Amino acid sequence: MQEERRKRRAAEQASKEKDEIIESITEDVVHERAEKEREHAENARLRSELVRERKREDSKRKRDAESDEEDQDAESDELEENTAKRPKIASDDDNYDHEDDDDDSS
């Protein structure tokens, strides 16, 4: 009888230790899973932030390119205006009589 009681206590103790180990492992697994979920959420947030930042940079580059193009167009227009306002200077080519060439060849 005493032997049975000792065996029962030993079995209860072993069962209790087994339950404590299972509980500890379960807590570790739950903790690890929660940590992985936090990391996943943080990674998703960082990816989203990176995508937004790239879109902002692309938009800025596009605006800058458009602005540069507009500046170049304005400079070109201004150059054309200034060229049109200048008095035309006759060059030697303008005074050259092409008909004289025909006379020399005969």
N, C-alpha and C. Protein backbone atom coordinates (compact mmCIF):
# COMPACT_ATOMS: atom_id res chain seq x y z
N MET A 1 0.80 -1.18 0.00
CA MET A 1 0.00 0.00 0.00
C MET A 1 0.86 1.26 0.00
N GLN A 2 1.83 1.26 0.82
CA GLN A 2 2.74 2.39 0.84
C GLN A 2 3.47 2.49 -0.51
N GLU A 3 3.77 1.38 -1.08
CA GLU A 3 4.43 1.33 -2.39
C GLU A 3 3.50 1.93 -3.46
N GLU A 4 2.22 1.62 -3.38
CA GLU A 4 1.25 2.17 -4.33
C GLU A 4 1.17 3.68 -4.19
N ARG A 5 1.13 4.15 -2.95
CA ARG A 5 1.07 5.58 -2.69
C ARG A 5 2.31 6.28 -3.24
N ARG A 6 3.47 5.67 -3.04
CA ARG A 6 4.72 6.24 -3.52
C ARG A 6 4.71 6.29 -5.06
N LYS A 7 4.23 5.23 -5.69
CA LYS A 7 4.14 5.18 -7.13
C LYS A 7 3.16 6.23 -7.66
N ARG A 8 2.04 6.38 -6.96
CA ARG A 8 1.05 7.35 -7.36
C ARG A 8 1.61 8.77 -7.25
N ARG A 9 2.31 9.06 -6.13
CA ARG A 9 2.92 10.38 -5.95
C ARG A 9 3.98 10.63 -7.03
N ALA A 10 4.76 9.61 -7.31
CA ALA A 10 5.79 9.73 -8.35
C ALA A 10 5.14 9.99 -9.71
N ALA A 11 4.04 9.30 -9.99
CA ALA A 11 3.32 9.48 -11.26
C ALA A 11 2.71 10.88 -11.31
N GLU A 12 2.15 11.34 -10.19
CA GLU A 12 1.58 12.68 -10.13
C GLU A 12 2.67 13.73 -10.33
N GLN A 13 3.81 13.53 -9.68
CA GLN A 13 4.93 14.45 -9.80
C GLN A 13 5.43 14.48 -11.25
N ALA A 14 5.55 13.30 -11.85
CA ALA A 14 5.99 13.23 -13.25
C ALA A 14 4.98 13.91 -14.15
N SER A 15 3.71 13.71 -13.90
CA SER A 15 2.66 14.34 -14.70
C SER A 15 2.72 15.86 -14.53
N LYS A 16 2.93 16.29 -13.28
CA LYS A 16 3.02 17.73 -13.00
C LYS A 16 4.22 18.33 -13.73
N GLU A 17 5.37 17.66 -13.68
CA GLU A 17 6.58 18.14 -14.36
C GLU A 17 6.35 18.18 -15.88
N LYS A 18 5.69 17.13 -16.40
CA LYS A 18 5.39 17.08 -17.82
C LYS A 18 4.49 18.25 -18.21
N ASP A 19 3.46 18.52 -17.40
CA ASP A 19 2.56 19.64 -17.67
C ASP A 19 3.31 20.98 -17.64
N GLU A 20 4.24 21.13 -16.69
CA GLU A 20 5.03 22.36 -16.59
C GLU A 20 5.92 22.54 -17.82
N ILE A 21 6.50 21.44 -18.28
CA ILE A 21 7.35 21.49 -19.48
C ILE A 21 6.51 21.88 -20.69
N ILE A 22 5.34 21.24 -20.82
CA ILE A 22 4.44 21.55 -21.94
C ILE A 22 4.02 23.02 -21.89
N GLU A 23 3.68 23.50 -20.70
CA GLU A 23 3.27 24.89 -20.54
C GLU A 23 4.41 25.84 -20.91
N SER A 24 5.61 25.51 -20.47
CA SER A 24 6.77 26.34 -20.78
C SER A 24 7.04 26.38 -22.28
N ILE A 25 6.96 25.20 -22.91
CA ILE A 25 7.17 25.14 -24.37
C ILE A 25 6.08 25.92 -25.08
N THR A 26 4.85 25.76 -24.62
CA THR A 26 3.73 26.47 -25.23
C THR A 26 3.93 27.98 -25.12
N GLU A 27 4.35 28.45 -23.95
CA GLU A 27 4.61 29.87 -23.77
C GLU A 27 5.72 30.35 -24.71
N ASP A 28 6.77 29.53 -24.85
CA ASP A 28 7.86 29.89 -25.75
C ASP A 28 7.37 29.98 -27.20
N VAL A 29 6.56 29.00 -27.60
CA VAL A 29 6.04 29.00 -28.97
C VAL A 29 5.14 30.21 -29.20
N VAL A 30 4.28 30.50 -28.24
CA VAL A 30 3.38 31.66 -28.36
C VAL A 30 4.21 32.94 -28.43
N HIS A 31 5.23 33.04 -27.60
CA HIS A 31 6.10 34.22 -27.60
C HIS A 31 6.82 34.36 -28.95
N GLU A 32 7.37 33.26 -29.46
CA GLU A 32 8.07 33.30 -30.75
C GLU A 32 7.12 33.67 -31.88
N ARG A 33 5.93 33.11 -31.85
CA ARG A 33 4.95 33.41 -32.89
C ARG A 33 4.57 34.90 -32.84
N ALA A 34 4.36 35.42 -31.64
CA ALA A 34 4.02 36.84 -31.50
C ALA A 34 5.18 37.71 -32.00
N GLU A 35 6.40 37.31 -31.70
CA GLU A 35 7.58 38.05 -32.15
C GLU A 35 7.67 38.03 -33.68
N LYS A 36 7.42 36.87 -34.29
CA LYS A 36 7.44 36.77 -35.75
C LYS A 36 6.35 37.64 -36.37
N GLU A 37 5.18 37.67 -35.74
CA GLU A 37 4.09 38.51 -36.25
C GLU A 37 4.46 39.99 -36.17
N ARG A 38 5.11 40.38 -35.06
CA ARG A 38 5.56 41.77 -34.93
C ARG A 38 6.60 42.09 -36.00
N GLU A 39 7.54 41.18 -36.22
CA GLU A 39 8.56 41.39 -37.24
C GLU A 39 7.92 41.49 -38.63
N HIS A 40 6.95 40.61 -38.88
CA HIS A 40 6.26 40.62 -40.18
C HIS A 40 5.55 41.96 -40.37
N ALA A 41 4.87 42.43 -39.34
CA ALA A 41 4.15 43.70 -39.42
C ALA A 41 5.14 44.86 -39.63
N GLU A 42 6.25 44.82 -38.93
CA GLU A 42 7.27 45.87 -39.08
C GLU A 42 7.85 45.85 -40.50
N ASN A 43 8.13 44.65 -41.02
CA ASN A 43 8.65 44.53 -42.38
C ASN A 43 7.64 45.06 -43.40
N ALA A 44 6.38 44.75 -43.20
CA ALA A 44 5.33 45.23 -44.10
C ALA A 44 5.26 46.76 -44.05
N ARG A 45 5.36 47.32 -42.85
CA ARG A 45 5.33 48.77 -42.69
C ARG A 45 6.53 49.41 -43.40
N LEU A 46 7.71 48.81 -43.23
CA LEU A 46 8.92 49.34 -43.87
C LEU A 46 8.83 49.24 -45.39
N ARG A 47 8.31 48.11 -45.89
CA ARG A 47 8.14 47.97 -47.33
C ARG A 47 7.19 49.03 -47.87
N SER A 48 6.10 49.23 -47.17
CA SER A 48 5.11 50.23 -47.58
C SER A 48 5.74 51.63 -47.58
N GLU A 49 6.50 51.93 -46.55
CA GLU A 49 7.18 53.22 -46.45
C GLU A 49 8.18 53.39 -47.60
N LEU A 50 8.90 52.32 -47.92
CA LEU A 50 9.86 52.36 -49.01
C LEU A 50 9.16 52.61 -50.35
N VAL A 51 8.03 51.96 -50.57
CA VAL A 51 7.27 52.16 -51.81
C VAL A 51 6.81 53.61 -51.89
N ARG A 52 6.27 54.15 -50.79
CA ARG A 52 5.82 55.55 -50.78
C ARG A 52 6.99 56.49 -51.08
N GLU A 53 8.15 56.23 -50.47
CA GLU A 53 9.32 57.07 -50.68
C GLU A 53 9.77 57.01 -52.14
N ARG A 54 9.77 55.81 -52.72
CA ARG A 54 10.16 55.69 -54.14
C ARG A 54 9.18 56.43 -55.04
N LYS A 55 7.89 56.35 -54.73
CA LYS A 55 6.90 57.07 -55.52
C LYS A 55 7.12 58.58 -55.41
N ARG A 56 7.42 59.06 -54.20
CA ARG A 56 7.70 60.49 -54.01
C ARG A 56 8.92 60.90 -54.83
N GLU A 57 9.97 60.07 -54.79
CA GLU A 57 11.19 60.39 -55.54
C GLU A 57 10.91 60.39 -57.04
N ASP A 58 10.14 59.41 -57.52
CA ASP A 58 9.80 59.36 -58.94
C ASP A 58 8.99 60.59 -59.35
N SER A 59 8.03 60.97 -58.51
CA SER A 59 7.22 62.16 -58.81
C SER A 59 8.10 63.40 -58.84
N LYS A 60 9.01 63.49 -57.88
CA LYS A 60 9.91 64.66 -57.82
C LYS A 60 10.79 64.68 -59.06
N ARG A 61 11.34 63.53 -59.44
CA ARG A 61 12.18 63.47 -60.64
C ARG A 61 11.38 63.89 -61.87
N LYS A 62 10.14 63.42 -61.95
CA LYS A 62 9.28 63.75 -63.09
C LYS A 62 9.00 65.26 -63.11
N ARG A 63 8.66 65.83 -61.95
CA ARG A 63 8.40 67.27 -61.87
C ARG A 63 9.65 68.06 -62.25
N ASP A 64 10.80 67.61 -61.75
CA ASP A 64 12.06 68.30 -62.07
C ASP A 64 12.35 68.23 -63.56
N ALA A 65 12.12 67.07 -64.17
CA ALA A 65 12.36 66.92 -65.60
C ALA A 65 11.41 67.83 -66.39
N GLU A 66 10.14 67.87 -65.98
CA GLU A 66 9.18 68.74 -66.65
C GLU A 66 9.57 70.21 -66.48
N SER A 67 10.01 70.56 -65.29
CA SER A 67 10.44 71.93 -65.03
C SER A 67 11.66 72.27 -65.87
N ASP A 68 12.61 71.36 -65.96
CA ASP A 68 13.80 71.58 -66.79
C ASP A 68 13.41 71.76 -68.25
N GLU A 69 12.47 70.93 -68.70
CA GLU A 69 12.00 71.03 -70.09
C GLU A 69 11.33 72.38 -70.32
N GLU A 70 10.50 72.81 -69.36
CA GLU A 70 9.84 74.11 -69.48
C GLU A 70 10.87 75.23 -69.49
N ASP A 71 11.89 75.12 -68.64
CA ASP A 71 12.96 76.13 -68.62
C ASP A 71 13.68 76.18 -69.96
N GLN A 72 13.97 75.01 -70.52
CA GLN A 72 14.65 74.96 -71.81
C GLN A 72 13.77 75.55 -72.90
N ASP A 73 12.47 75.26 -72.86
CA ASP A 73 11.54 75.83 -73.84
C ASP A 73 11.50 77.35 -73.71
N ALA A 74 11.46 77.83 -72.48
CA ALA A 74 11.42 79.28 -72.25
C ALA A 74 12.72 79.93 -72.75
N GLU A 75 13.85 79.31 -72.48
CA GLU A 75 15.13 79.84 -72.95
C GLU A 75 15.17 79.84 -74.47
N SER A 76 14.67 78.78 -75.09
CA SER A 76 14.64 78.69 -76.54
C SER A 76 13.74 79.78 -77.12
N ASP A 77 12.57 79.98 -76.52
CA ASP A 77 11.66 81.03 -76.97
C ASP A 77 12.30 82.40 -76.82
N GLU A 78 12.97 82.61 -75.71
CA GLU A 78 13.63 83.89 -75.47
C GLU A 78 14.74 84.12 -76.49
N LEU A 79 15.49 83.08 -76.78
CA LEU A 79 16.56 83.18 -77.76
C LEU A 79 15.97 83.51 -79.14
N GLU A 80 14.87 82.86 -79.49
CA GLU A 80 14.22 83.15 -80.77
C GLU A 80 13.74 84.59 -80.83
N GLU A 81 13.16 85.09 -79.72
CA GLU A 81 12.70 86.47 -79.67
C GLU A 81 13.86 87.43 -79.84
N ASN A 82 14.93 87.17 -79.11
CA ASN A 82 16.10 88.04 -79.19
C ASN A 82 16.71 88.01 -80.59
N THR A 83 16.72 86.86 -81.21
CA THR A 83 17.26 86.74 -82.56
C THR A 83 16.38 87.50 -83.54
N ALA A 84 15.09 87.42 -83.38
CA ALA A 84 14.17 88.12 -84.27
C ALA A 84 14.27 89.63 -84.10
N LYS A 85 14.60 90.12 -82.93
CA LYS A 85 14.69 91.56 -82.66
C LYS A 85 15.98 92.17 -83.19
N ARG A 86 17.00 91.36 -83.39
CA ARG A 86 18.28 91.90 -83.88
C ARG A 86 18.14 92.33 -85.34
N PRO A 87 18.83 93.40 -85.67
CA PRO A 87 18.81 93.79 -87.09
C PRO A 87 19.62 92.78 -87.89
N LYS A 88 19.13 92.49 -89.07
CA LYS A 88 19.81 91.51 -89.90
C LYS A 88 21.02 92.16 -90.52
N ILE A 89 22.15 91.50 -90.40
CA ILE A 89 23.38 92.01 -90.98
C ILE A 89 23.60 91.24 -92.27
N ALA A 90 23.79 91.97 -93.33
CA ALA A 90 23.99 91.33 -94.62
C ALA A 90 25.36 90.66 -94.63
N SER A 91 25.39 89.44 -95.07
CA SER A 91 26.64 88.73 -95.17
C SER A 91 27.11 88.74 -96.61
N ASP A 92 28.31 88.34 -96.85
CA ASP A 92 28.83 88.29 -98.21
C ASP A 92 28.00 87.34 -99.05
N ASP A 93 27.49 86.27 -98.46
CA ASP A 93 26.68 85.31 -99.19
C ASP A 93 25.38 85.96 -99.68
N ASP A 94 24.84 86.88 -98.88
CA ASP A 94 23.60 87.54 -99.28
C ASP A 94 23.81 88.43 -100.51
N ASN A 95 24.99 89.00 -100.64
CA ASN A 95 25.29 89.91 -101.74
C ASN A 95 25.83 89.17 -102.96
N TYR A 96 26.04 87.93 -102.84
CA TYR A 96 26.62 87.14 -103.93
C TYR A 96 25.59 86.96 -105.04
N ASP A 97 25.99 87.26 -106.24
CA ASP A 97 25.08 87.16 -107.40
C ASP A 97 25.33 85.84 -108.08
N HIS A 98 24.37 84.96 -107.97
CA HIS A 98 24.51 83.63 -108.53
C HIS A 98 24.49 83.66 -110.06
N GLU A 99 23.90 84.68 -110.65
CA GLU A 99 23.83 84.77 -112.10
C GLU A 99 25.20 84.99 -112.70
N ASP A 100 26.10 85.63 -111.95
CA ASP A 100 27.46 85.87 -112.45
C ASP A 100 28.18 84.56 -112.66
N ASP A 101 27.85 83.54 -111.87
CA ASP A 101 28.48 82.24 -112.00
C ASP A 101 28.21 81.68 -113.38
N ASP A 102 27.00 81.88 -113.88
CA ASP A 102 26.62 81.34 -115.18
C ASP A 102 27.43 82.00 -116.29
N ASP A 103 27.69 83.29 -116.15
CA ASP A 103 28.41 84.04 -117.17
C ASP A 103 29.86 83.58 -117.26
N ASP A 104 30.47 83.24 -116.14
CA ASP A 104 31.87 82.85 -116.12
C ASP A 104 32.08 81.51 -116.79
N SER A 105 31.10 80.68 -116.79
CA SER A 105 31.26 79.32 -117.31
C SER A 105 31.24 79.26 -118.83
N SER A 106 30.83 80.32 -119.50
CA SER A 106 30.74 80.27 -120.94
C SER A 106 32.06 80.55 -121.63
